[in-house]
Amino acid sequence: MDFGFSLSPSSAIELDTLDSALYRKLCRIEPGARTCIACGSCSATCTAAEHSGMSVRKLLLGLQRGRKAEVERMLSNCMLCGKCTMVCPRGINTRRVILTVCRLYDNVEGTL
């Protein structure tokens, strides 16, 4: 029967199999990434967010949770305009964080 709704897939995070190595490496290179308070200011000003869901906050959470496909999708949507850096209340250079994540991904793919 069709009841007009469907169940969403589980979004549970398996902490035993979580791979947050890229996030830890990012925090060693860019310590500012750890100071993000997930306020959403970056998303509110992001030109790409409205159409693609790009968000530095979501990007960092995706790295922490080991969601590589989600992070790669967001990286491909970022226009590197720098608006997020200008509005960050913590003064995080989010543009540099994004570029560092891109470099980390390039290094990971190069070693595979």
Protein backbone atom coordinates (compact mmCIF):
# COMPACT_ATOMS: atom_id res chain seq x y z
CA MET A 1 0.00 0.00 0.00
CA ASP A 2 1.07 3.57 -0.61
CA PHE A 3 0.55 5.73 2.46
CA GLY A 4 2.07 8.86 0.88
CA PHE A 5 5.38 8.75 2.72
CA SER A 6 8.55 6.71 2.81
CA LEU A 7 11.13 5.92 5.46
CA SER A 8 14.45 7.71 5.33
CA PRO A 9 17.65 5.69 5.45
CA SER A 10 19.36 5.56 8.82
CA SER A 11 21.79 8.39 9.51
CA ALA A 12 23.42 6.60 12.44
CA ILE A 13 27.17 7.03 12.75
CA GLU A 14 29.19 3.91 13.48
CA LEU A 15 31.80 5.24 15.90
CA ASP A 16 33.75 1.96 15.77
CA THR A 17 34.37 2.26 12.03
CA LEU A 18 34.54 6.07 11.81
CA ASP A 19 37.51 7.38 9.84
CA SER A 20 38.22 10.94 10.88
CA ALA A 21 41.91 10.89 9.94
CA LEU A 22 41.49 13.70 7.41
CA TYR A 23 39.81 15.90 10.03
CA ARG A 24 42.64 15.32 12.49
CA LYS A 25 45.20 16.07 9.79
CA LEU A 26 43.30 19.23 8.85
CA CYS A 27 43.30 20.40 12.49
CA ARG A 28 47.08 19.92 12.67
CA ILE A 29 47.56 22.05 9.54
CA GLU A 30 44.75 24.56 10.19
CA PRO A 31 44.03 24.76 13.95
CA GLY A 32 41.25 27.27 13.25
CA ALA A 33 39.07 24.46 11.91
CA ARG A 34 38.69 23.16 15.45
CA THR A 35 37.38 26.50 16.72
CA CYS A 36 34.27 26.43 14.51
CA ILE A 37 31.14 26.79 16.65
CA ALA A 38 28.80 25.71 13.82
CA CYS A 39 26.84 28.96 13.98
CA GLY A 40 25.83 28.85 10.31
CA SER A 41 27.01 32.34 9.37
CA CYS A 42 29.05 30.84 6.56
CA SER A 43 25.99 29.08 5.15
CA ALA A 44 23.86 32.21 5.41
CA THR A 45 26.21 34.24 3.21
CA CYS A 46 27.37 31.49 0.85
CA THR A 47 26.34 32.05 -2.76
CA ALA A 48 26.59 28.33 -3.52
CA ALA A 49 24.66 27.22 -0.41
CA GLU A 50 21.28 28.17 -1.78
CA HIS A 51 21.66 25.93 -4.83
CA SER A 52 24.02 23.18 -3.70
CA GLY A 53 23.93 22.91 0.08
CA MET A 54 27.57 24.01 0.42
CA SER A 55 28.47 24.89 3.98
CA VAL A 56 31.80 25.04 5.77
CA ARG A 57 30.01 23.89 8.90
CA LYS A 58 28.63 20.83 7.12
CA LEU A 59 32.00 20.25 5.48
CA LEU A 60 33.75 20.10 8.86
CA LEU A 61 31.03 17.88 10.32
CA GLY A 62 31.32 15.59 7.31
CA LEU A 63 35.07 15.31 7.86
CA GLN A 64 34.57 14.58 11.55
CA ARG A 65 32.04 11.86 10.72
CA GLY A 66 34.05 10.33 7.88
CA ARG A 67 31.49 11.12 5.18
CA LYS A 68 33.90 11.47 2.27
CA ALA A 69 31.34 11.50 -0.55
CA GLU A 70 29.41 14.33 1.10
CA VAL A 71 32.60 16.35 1.63
CA GLU A 72 33.76 15.83 -1.97
CA ARG A 73 30.38 17.00 -3.28
CA MET A 74 30.56 20.17 -1.18
CA LEU A 75 34.15 20.87 -2.23
CA SER A 76 33.14 20.69 -5.88
CA ASN A 77 30.38 23.26 -5.28
CA CYS A 78 32.50 25.87 -3.49
CA MET A 79 33.30 28.95 -5.58
CA LEU A 80 36.07 30.15 -3.19
CA CYS A 81 34.52 33.62 -3.11
CA GLY A 82 35.57 34.20 0.52
CA LYS A 83 32.25 35.54 1.82
CA CYS A 84 32.27 32.90 4.56
CA THR A 85 35.65 34.13 5.79
CA MET A 86 34.41 37.71 6.07
CA VAL A 87 31.41 36.84 8.27
CA CYS A 88 32.92 34.17 10.53
CA PRO A 89 32.51 35.37 14.14
CA ARG A 90 35.49 33.24 15.22
CA GLY A 91 37.78 34.74 12.57
CA ILE A 92 38.45 31.40 10.90
CA ASN A 93 39.99 31.72 7.46
CA THR A 94 37.43 29.35 5.99
CA ARG A 95 38.74 29.81 2.48
CA ARG A 96 42.15 28.55 3.56
CA VAL A 97 40.48 25.66 5.40
CA ILE A 98 38.62 24.68 2.22
CA LEU A 99 41.80 24.88 0.14
CA THR A 100 43.63 22.75 2.70
CA VAL A 101 40.88 20.12 2.60
CA CYS A 102 41.16 20.09 -1.21
CA ARG A 103 44.91 19.53 -0.95
CA LEU A 104 44.39 16.75 1.60
CA TYR A 105 41.91 15.04 -0.74
CA ASP A 106 44.36 15.38 -3.66
CA ASN A 107 47.11 13.77 -1.55
CA VAL A 108 44.83 10.91 -0.48
CA GLU A 109 43.73 10.20 -4.06
CA GLY A 110 47.33 10.38 -5.29
CA THR A 111 48.42 7.66 -2.88
CA LEU A 112 45.64 5.22 -3.75
